[in-house]
Structure formats: C-alpha cells, structure tokens
C-alpha cells in the first residue's frame, strides 16, 4: 500500500473531524474510500465515453461512402 499526505481546507477538515469525533483512523478510512470510489466512477465514465466514441466513429465511417460506390459495399464486408 502507498501513502500520501493530503492538505485539506479548514472547513473540510472540521467536517470530517466532527463527523468521526477526531478518530484519525476513521477519518483516513473515510477519505480513502471517497477518493477510491470517485476515481473508479470517473474511470468507468471515461471508458463508457471512449466506447461510445469508437462506436460512433465506426458508424460515421460506414455511412461516409456513397450508396452504389465500390467503397460503400466494401466497408461493411470486413474485406
């Protein structure tokens, strides 16, 4: 496990301190859990966006050829 030291603004620190009655271990666990969940959610959202973009790019590419042209037929055939 790796460790980092965080600097919090006074309001945030006081909120966490009062929420956990100055229990440093509980405060640390809470902050770690929040950060981990936030990063995980951002990673999942970014992956969904990347997948949607790739899907849209492929659809746009396949639609870019004119009907009746050679490239139009080839694009959808996987040749």
PDB file of N, CA and C in Angstrom:
ATOM      1  N   UNK A   1       0.847  -1.169   0.000  1.00  0.00           N
ATOM      2  CA  UNK A   1       0.000   0.000   0.000  1.00  0.00           C
ATOM      3  C   UNK A   1       0.895   1.235   0.000  1.00  0.00           C
ATOM      4  N   UNK A   2       0.477   2.248  -0.733  1.00  0.00           N
ATOM      5  CA  UNK A   2       1.208   3.503  -0.788  1.00  0.00           C
ATOM      6  C   UNK A   2       0.472   4.567   0.015  1.00  0.00           C
ATOM      7  N   UNK A   3       1.213   5.554   0.443  1.00  0.00           N
ATOM      8  CA  UNK A   3       0.643   6.601   1.280  1.00  0.00           C
ATOM      9  C   UNK A   3       0.942   7.969   0.691  1.00  0.00           C
ATOM     10  N   UNK A   4      -0.009   8.887   0.864  1.00  0.00           N
ATOM     11  CA  UNK A   4       0.216  10.279   0.519  1.00  0.00           C
ATOM     12  C   UNK A   4      -0.327  11.146   1.652  1.00  0.00           C
ATOM     13  N   UNK A   5       0.220  12.314   1.764  1.00  0.00           N
ATOM     14  CA  UNK A   5      -0.248  13.260   2.768  1.00  0.00           C
ATOM     15  C   UNK A   5      -1.118  14.284   2.052  1.00  0.00           C
ATOM     16  N   UNK A   6      -2.309  14.519   2.567  1.00  0.00           N
ATOM     17  CA  UNK A   6      -3.237  15.453   1.948  1.00  0.00           C
ATOM     18  C   UNK A   6      -3.367  16.715   2.789  1.00  0.00           C
ATOM     19  N   UNK A   7      -3.475  17.837   2.120  1.00  0.00           N
ATOM     20  CA  UNK A   7      -3.773  19.085   2.800  1.00  0.00           C
ATOM     21  C   UNK A   7      -5.213  19.444   2.481  1.00  0.00           C
ATOM     22  N   UNK A   8      -6.033  19.576   3.524  1.00  0.00           N
ATOM     23  CA  UNK A   8      -7.448  19.894   3.355  1.00  0.00           C
ATOM     24  C   UNK A   8      -7.706  21.322   3.811  1.00  0.00           C
ATOM     25  N   UNK A   9      -8.698  21.941   3.184  1.00  0.00           N
ATOM     26  CA  UNK A   9      -9.081  23.263   3.668  1.00  0.00           C
ATOM     27  C   UNK A   9      -9.729  23.093   5.042  1.00  0.00           C
ATOM     28  N   UNK A  10      -9.773  24.172   5.805  1.00  0.00           N
ATOM     29  CA  UNK A  10     -10.257  24.105   7.192  1.00  0.00           C
ATOM     30  C   UNK A  10     -11.679  23.569   7.303  1.00  0.00           C
ATOM     31  N   UNK A  11     -12.560  24.013   6.422  1.00  0.00           N
ATOM     32  CA  UNK A  11     -13.963  23.583   6.501  1.00  0.00           C
ATOM     33  C   UNK A  11     -14.093  22.083   6.280  1.00  0.00           C
ATOM     34  N   UNK A  12     -13.371  21.561   5.292  1.00  0.00           N
ATOM     35  CA  UNK A  12     -13.422  20.125   5.005  1.00  0.00           C
ATOM     36  C   UNK A  12     -12.866  19.324   6.172  1.00  0.00           C
ATOM     37  N   UNK A  13     -11.731  19.771   6.691  1.00  0.00           N
ATOM     38  CA  UNK A  13     -11.116  19.069   7.814  1.00  0.00           C
ATOM     39  C   UNK A  13     -12.029  19.076   9.037  1.00  0.00           C
ATOM     40  N   UNK A  14     -12.614  20.221   9.340  1.00  0.00           N
ATOM     41  CA  UNK A  14     -13.502  20.312  10.503  1.00  0.00           C
ATOM     42  C   UNK A  14     -14.733  19.424  10.332  1.00  0.00           C
ATOM     43  N   UNK A  15     -15.254  19.354   9.125  1.00  0.00           N
ATOM     44  CA  UNK A  15     -16.404  18.489   8.867  1.00  0.00           C
ATOM     45  C   UNK A  15     -16.050  17.030   9.146  1.00  0.00           C
ATOM     46  N   UNK A  16     -14.942  16.573   8.586  1.00  0.00           N
ATOM     47  CA  UNK A  16     -14.526  15.178   8.775  1.00  0.00           C
ATOM     48  C   UNK A  16     -14.178  14.915  10.234  1.00  0.00           C
ATOM     49  N   UNK A  17     -13.500  15.847  10.854  1.00  0.00           N
ATOM     50  CA  UNK A  17     -13.107  15.709  12.254  1.00  0.00           C
ATOM     51  C   UNK A  17     -14.335  15.571  13.151  1.00  0.00           C
ATOM     52  N   UNK A  18     -15.332  16.411  12.932  1.00  0.00           N
ATOM     53  CA  UNK A  18     -16.534  16.338  13.773  1.00  0.00           C
ATOM     54  C   UNK A  18     -17.368  15.095  13.461  1.00  0.00           C
ATOM     55  N   UNK A  19     -17.386  14.699  12.193  1.00  0.00           N
ATOM     56  CA  UNK A  19     -18.164  13.517  11.793  1.00  0.00           C
ATOM     57  C   UNK A  19     -17.638  12.251  12.476  1.00  0.00           C
ATOM     58  N   UNK A  20     -16.319  12.180  12.686  1.00  0.00           N
ATOM     59  CA  UNK A  20     -15.716  10.976  13.261  1.00  0.00           C
ATOM     60  C   UNK A  20     -15.099  11.218  14.638  1.00  0.00           C
ATOM     61  N   UNK A  21     -15.525  12.282  15.301  1.00  0.00           N
ATOM     62  CA  UNK A  21     -15.071  12.588  16.668  1.00  0.00           C
ATOM     63  C   UNK A  21     -13.549  12.535  16.810  1.00  0.00           C
ATOM     64  N   UNK A  22     -12.868  13.091  15.807  1.00  0.00           N
ATOM     65  CA  UNK A  22     -11.415  13.189  15.796  1.00  0.00           C
ATOM     66  C   UNK A  22     -10.709  11.829  15.795  1.00  0.00           C
ATOM     67  N   UNK A  23     -11.404  10.786  15.369  1.00  0.00           N
ATOM     68  CA  UNK A  23     -10.802   9.451  15.235  1.00  0.00           C
ATOM     69  C   UNK A  23     -10.018   9.429  13.925  1.00  0.00           C
ATOM     70  N   UNK A  24      -8.696   9.551  14.016  1.00  0.00           N
ATOM     71  CA  UNK A  24      -7.834   9.676  12.839  1.00  0.00           C
ATOM     72  C   UNK A  24      -7.956   8.476  11.890  1.00  0.00           C
ATOM     73  N   UNK A  25      -8.066   7.293  12.456  1.00  0.00           N
ATOM     74  CA  UNK A  25      -8.183   6.093  11.627  1.00  0.00           C
ATOM     75  C   UNK A  25      -9.486   6.121  10.826  1.00  0.00           C
ATOM     76  N   UNK A  26     -10.590   6.460  11.483  1.00  0.00           N
ATOM     77  CA  UNK A  26     -11.889   6.525  10.801  1.00  0.00           C
ATOM     78  C   UNK A  26     -11.888   7.636   9.749  1.00  0.00           C
ATOM     79  N   UNK A  27     -11.247   8.749  10.072  1.00  0.00           N
ATOM     80  CA  UNK A  27     -11.154   9.857   9.117  1.00  0.00           C
ATOM     81  C   UNK A  27     -10.384   9.417   7.874  1.00  0.00           C
ATOM     82  N   UNK A  28      -9.279   8.756   8.077  1.00  0.00           N
ATOM     83  CA  UNK A  28      -8.446   8.286   6.976  1.00  0.00           C
ATOM     84  C   UNK A  28      -9.196   7.272   6.109  1.00  0.00           C
ATOM     85  N   UNK A  29      -9.885   6.348   6.748  1.00  0.00           N
ATOM     86  CA  UNK A  29     -10.653   5.334   6.024  1.00  0.00           C
ATOM     87  C   UNK A  29     -11.738   5.983   5.171  1.00  0.00           C
ATOM     88  N   UNK A  30     -12.414   6.963   5.746  1.00  0.00           N
ATOM     89  CA  UNK A  30     -13.490   7.677   5.050  1.00  0.00           C
ATOM     90  C   UNK A  30     -12.954   8.391   3.804  1.00  0.00           C
ATOM     91  N   UNK A  31     -11.883   9.140   3.964  1.00  0.00           N
ATOM     92  CA  UNK A  31     -11.311   9.888   2.846  1.00  0.00           C
ATOM     93  C   UNK A  31     -10.791   8.935   1.772  1.00  0.00           C
ATOM     94  N   UNK A  32     -10.136   7.865   2.180  1.00  0.00           N
ATOM     95  CA  UNK A  32      -9.618   6.882   1.233  1.00  0.00           C
ATOM     96  C   UNK A  32     -10.755   6.266   0.430  1.00  0.00           C
ATOM     97  N   UNK A  33     -11.837   5.912   1.115  1.00  0.00           N
ATOM     98  CA  UNK A  33     -12.980   5.307   0.434  1.00  0.00           C
ATOM     99  C   UNK A  33     -13.605   6.289  -0.562  1.00  0.00           C
ATOM    100  N   UNK A  34     -13.756   7.551  -0.156  1.00  0.00           N
ATOM    101  CA  UNK A  34     -14.324   8.555  -1.054  1.00  0.00           C
ATOM    102  C   UNK A  34     -13.472   8.730  -2.312  1.00  0.00           C
ATOM    103  N   UNK A  35     -12.173   8.856  -2.128  1.00  0.00           N
ATOM    104  CA  UNK A  35     -11.278   9.029  -3.272  1.00  0.00           C
ATOM    105  C   UNK A  35     -11.291   7.825  -4.202  1.00  0.00           C
ATOM    106  N   UNK A  36     -11.248   6.639  -3.619  1.00  0.00           N
ATOM    107  CA  UNK A  36     -11.248   5.417  -4.410  1.00  0.00           C
ATOM    108  C   UNK A  36     -12.519   5.300  -5.241  1.00  0.00           C
ATOM    109  N   UNK A  37     -13.672   5.562  -4.617  1.00  0.00           N
ATOM    110  CA  UNK A  37     -14.941   5.482  -5.345  1.00  0.00           C
ATOM    111  C   UNK A  37     -15.026   6.535  -6.436  1.00  0.00           C
ATOM    112  N   UNK A  38     -14.578   7.743  -6.149  1.00  0.00           N
ATOM    113  CA  UNK A  38     -14.629   8.821  -7.132  1.00  0.00           C
ATOM    114  C   UNK A  38     -13.752   8.488  -8.342  1.00  0.00           C
ATOM    115  N   UNK A  39     -12.560   8.010  -8.093  1.00  0.00           N
ATOM    116  CA  UNK A  39     -11.654   7.659  -9.187  1.00  0.00           C
ATOM    117  C   UNK A  39     -12.212   6.496  -9.997  1.00  0.00           C
ATOM    118  N   UNK A  40     -12.769   5.512  -9.308  1.00  0.00           N
ATOM    119  CA  UNK A  40     -13.355   4.359 -10.002  1.00  0.00           C
ATOM    120  C   UNK A  40     -14.512   4.809 -10.896  1.00  0.00           C
ATOM    121  N   UNK A  41     -15.391   5.659 -10.373  1.00  0.00           N
ATOM    122  CA  UNK A  41     -16.524   6.149 -11.159  1.00  0.00           C
ATOM    123  C   UNK A  41     -16.059   6.963 -12.358  1.00  0.00           C
ATOM    124  N   UNK A  42     -15.049   7.801 -12.168  1.00  0.00           N
ATOM    125  CA  UNK A  42     -14.516   8.585 -13.283  1.00  0.00           C
ATOM    126  C   UNK A  42     -13.907   7.685 -14.339  1.00  0.00           C
ATOM    127  N   UNK A  43     -13.203   6.652 -13.908  1.00  0.00           N
ATOM    128  CA  UNK A  43     -12.593   5.718 -14.861  1.00  0.00           C
ATOM    129  C   UNK A  43     -13.660   4.988 -15.661  1.00  0.00           C
ATOM    130  N   UNK A  44     -14.725   4.555 -14.991  1.00  0.00           N
ATOM    131  CA  UNK A  44     -15.807   3.859 -15.687  1.00  0.00           C
ATOM    132  C   UNK A  44     -16.505   4.795 -16.664  1.00  0.00           C
ATOM    133  N   UNK A  45     -16.748   6.042 -16.240  1.00  0.00           N
ATOM    134  CA  UNK A  45     -17.407   7.003 -17.122  1.00  0.00           C
ATOM    135  C   UNK A  45     -16.537   7.295 -18.339  1.00  0.00           C
ATOM    136  N   UNK A  46     -15.237   7.451 -18.137  1.00  0.00           N
ATOM    137  CA  UNK A  46     -14.337   7.712 -19.247  1.00  0.00           C
ATOM    138  C   UNK A  46     -14.301   6.538 -20.214  1.00  0.00           C
ATOM    139  N   UNK A  47     -14.319   5.323 -19.688  1.00  0.00           N
ATOM    140  CA  UNK A  47     -14.318   4.132 -20.541  1.00  0.00           C
ATOM    141  C   UNK A  47     -15.603   4.070 -21.366  1.00  0.00           C
ATOM    142  N   UNK A  48     -16.752   4.391 -20.746  1.00  0.00           N
ATOM    143  CA  UNK A  48     -18.020   4.399 -21.477  1.00  0.00           C
ATOM    144  C   UNK A  48     -17.980   5.432 -22.594  1.00  0.00           C
ATOM    145  N   UNK A  49     -17.426   6.614 -22.316  1.00  0.00           N
ATOM    146  CA  UNK A  49     -17.323   7.663 -23.326  1.00  0.00           C
ATOM    147  C   UNK A  49     -16.431   7.204 -24.465  1.00  0.00           C
ATOM    148  N   UNK A  50     -15.298   6.572 -24.138  1.00  0.00           N
ATOM    149  CA  UNK A  50     -14.391   6.086 -25.174  1.00  0.00           C
ATOM    150  C   UNK A  50     -15.053   5.037 -26.052  1.00  0.00           C
ATOM    151  N   UNK A  51     -15.807   4.131 -25.444  1.00  0.00           N
ATOM    152  CA  UNK A  51     -16.502   3.087 -26.208  1.00  0.00           C
ATOM    153  C   UNK A  51     -17.559   3.722 -27.115  1.00  0.00           C
ATOM    154  N   UNK A  52     -18.321   4.687 -26.573  1.00  0.00           N
ATOM    155  CA  UNK A  52     -19.343   5.355 -27.377  1.00  0.00           C
ATOM    156  C   UNK A  52     -18.705   6.097 -28.544  1.00  0.00           C
ATOM    157  N   UNK A  53     -17.577   6.757 -28.299  1.00  0.00           N
ATOM    158  CA  UNK A  53     -16.898   7.488 -29.367  1.00  0.00           C
ATOM    159  C   UNK A  53     -16.404   6.545 -30.449  1.00  0.00           C
ATOM    160  N   UNK A  54     -15.834   5.408 -30.059  1.00  0.00           N
ATOM    161  CA  UNK A  54     -15.355   4.439 -31.041  1.00  0.00           C
ATOM    162  C   UNK A  54     -16.511   3.900 -31.866  1.00  0.00           C
ATOM    163  N   UNK A  55     -17.640   3.623 -31.205  1.00  0.00           N
ATOM    164  CA  UNK A  55     -18.818   3.106 -31.909  1.00  0.00           C
ATOM    165  C   UNK A  55     -19.335   4.148 -32.890  1.00  0.00           C
ATOM    166  N   UNK A  56     -19.414   5.398 -32.441  1.00  0.00           N
ATOM    167  CA  UNK A  56     -19.894   6.458 -33.325  1.00  0.00           C
ATOM    168  C   UNK A  56     -18.938   6.681 -34.486  1.00  0.00           C
ATOM    169  N   UNK A  57     -17.632   6.610 -34.237  1.00  0.00           N
ATOM    170  CA  UNK A  57     -16.656   6.782 -35.309  1.00  0.00           C
ATOM    171  C   UNK A  57     -16.833   5.699 -36.381  1.00  0.00           C
ATOM    172  N   UNK A  58     -17.048   4.470 -35.952  1.00  0.00           N
ATOM    173  CA  UNK A  58     -17.241   3.375 -36.898  1.00  0.00           C
ATOM    174  C   UNK A  58     -18.521   3.584 -37.697  1.00  0.00           C
ATOM    175  N   UNK A  59     -19.601   3.965 -37.021  1.00  0.00           N
ATOM    176  CA  UNK A  59     -20.861   4.200 -37.719  1.00  0.00           C
ATOM    177  C   UNK A  59     -20.710   5.323 -38.747  1.00  0.00           C
ATOM    178  N   UNK A  60     -20.029   6.404 -38.346  1.00  0.00           N
ATOM    179  CA  UNK A  60     -19.808   7.519 -39.263  1.00  0.00           C
ATOM    180  C   UNK A  60     -18.985   7.074 -40.464  1.00  0.00           C
ATOM    181  N   UNK A  61     -17.961   6.274 -40.221  1.00  0.00           N
ATOM    182  CA  UNK A  61     -17.111   5.778 -41.306  1.00  0.00           C
ATOM    183  C   UNK A  61     -17.921   4.930 -42.284  1.00  0.00           C
ATOM    184  N   UNK A  62     -18.731   4.035 -41.724  1.00  0.00           N
ATOM    185  CA  UNK A  62     -19.512   3.160 -42.603  1.00  0.00           C
ATOM    186  C   UNK A  62     -20.543   3.943 -43.409  1.00  0.00           C
ATOM    187  N   UNK A  63     -21.052   5.025 -42.842  1.00  0.00           N
ATOM    188  CA  UNK A  63     -22.045   5.839 -43.539  1.00  0.00           C
ATOM    189  C   UNK A  63     -21.403   6.831 -44.510  1.00  0.00           C
ATOM    190  N   UNK A  64     -20.085   6.994 -44.463  1.00  0.00           N
ATOM    191  CA  UNK A  64     -19.427   8.032 -45.252  1.00  0.00           C
ATOM    192  C   UNK A  64     -19.376   7.716 -46.749  1.00  0.00           C
ATOM    193  N   UNK A  65     -19.421   6.450 -47.106  1.00  0.00           N
ATOM    194  CA  UNK A  65     -19.373   6.095 -48.531  1.00  0.00           C
ATOM    195  C   UNK A  65     -20.715   6.335 -49.189  1.00  0.00           C
ATOM    196  N   UNK A  66     -20.663   6.688 -50.460  1.00  0.00           N
ATOM    197  CA  UNK A  66     -21.904   6.921 -51.185  1.00  0.00           C
ATOM    198  C   UNK A  66     -22.504   5.590 -51.630  1.00  0.00           C
ATOM    199  N   UNK A  67     -23.812   5.525 -51.568  1.00  0.00           N
ATOM    200  CA  UNK A  67     -24.507   4.321 -52.000  1.00  0.00           C
ATOM    201  C   UNK A  67     -24.194   4.055 -53.464  1.00  0.00           C
ATOM    202  N   UNK A  68     -23.865   2.822 -53.793  1.00  0.00           N
ATOM    203  CA  UNK A  68     -23.555   2.452 -55.174  1.00  0.00           C
ATOM    204  C   UNK A  68     -22.078   2.524 -55.505  1.00  0.00           C
ATOM    205  N   UNK A  69     -21.267   3.114 -54.636  1.00  0.00           N
ATOM    206  CA  UNK A  69     -19.831   3.170 -54.912  1.00  0.00           C
ATOM    207  C   UNK A  69     -19.181   1.887 -54.431  1.00  0.00           C
ATOM    208  N   UNK A  70     -18.008   1.592 -54.957  1.00  0.00           N
ATOM    209  CA  UNK A  70     -17.291   0.383 -54.539  1.00  0.00           C
ATOM    210  C   UNK A  70     -16.960   0.411 -53.050  1.00  0.00           C
ATOM    211  N   UNK A  71     -16.514   1.562 -52.552  1.00  0.00           N
ATOM    212  CA  UNK A  71     -16.095   1.638 -51.156  1.00  0.00           C
ATOM    213  C   UNK A  71     -17.270   1.441 -50.210  1.00  0.00           C
ATOM    214  N   UNK A  72     -18.474   1.826 -50.635  1.00  0.00           N
ATOM    215  CA  UNK A  72     -19.652   1.664 -49.791  1.00  0.00           C
ATOM    216  C   UNK A  72     -19.893   0.183 -49.500  1.00  0.00           C
ATOM    217  N   UNK A  73     -19.803  -0.662 -50.500  1.00  0.00           N
ATOM    218  CA  UNK A  73     -20.051  -2.087 -50.321  1.00  0.00           C
ATOM    219  C   UNK A  73     -18.945  -2.767 -49.545  1.00  0.00           C
ATOM    220  N   UNK A  74     -17.726  -2.339 -49.764  1.00  0.00           N
ATOM    221  CA  UNK A  74     -16.584  -2.980 -49.133  1.00  0.00           C
ATOM    222  C   UNK A  74     -16.545  -2.692 -47.630  1.00  0.00           C
ATOM    223  N   UNK A  75     -16.907  -1.499 -47.222  1.00  0.00           N
ATOM    224  CA  UNK A  75     -16.788  -1.094 -45.817  1.00  0.00           C
ATOM    225  C   UNK A  75     -17.516  -2.038 -44.881  1.00  0.00           C
ATOM    226  N   UNK A  76     -18.674  -2.477 -45.243  1.00  0.00           N
ATOM    227  CA  UNK A  76     -19.454  -3.324 -44.354  1.00  0.00           C
ATOM    228  C   UNK A  76     -19.123  -4.800 -44.466  1.00  0.00           C
ATOM    229  N   UNK A  77     -18.247  -5.165 -45.385  1.00  0.00           N
ATOM    230  CA  UNK A  77     -17.978  -6.579 -45.641  1.00  0.00           C
ATOM    231  C   UNK A  77     -16.805  -7.142 -44.838  1.00  0.00           C
ATOM    232  N   UNK A  78     -16.005  -6.283 -44.254  1.00  0.00           N
ATOM    233  CA  UNK A  78     -14.856  -6.761 -43.491  1.00  0.00           C
ATOM    234  C   UNK A  78     -13.715  -7.240 -44.367  1.00  0.00           C
ATOM    235  N   UNK A  79     -13.620  -6.765 -45.605  1.00  0.00           N
ATOM    236  CA  UNK A  79     -12.556  -7.187 -46.527  1.00  0.00           C
ATOM    237  C   UNK A  79     -11.327  -6.381 -46.307  1.00  0.00           C
TER     238      UNK A  79
END
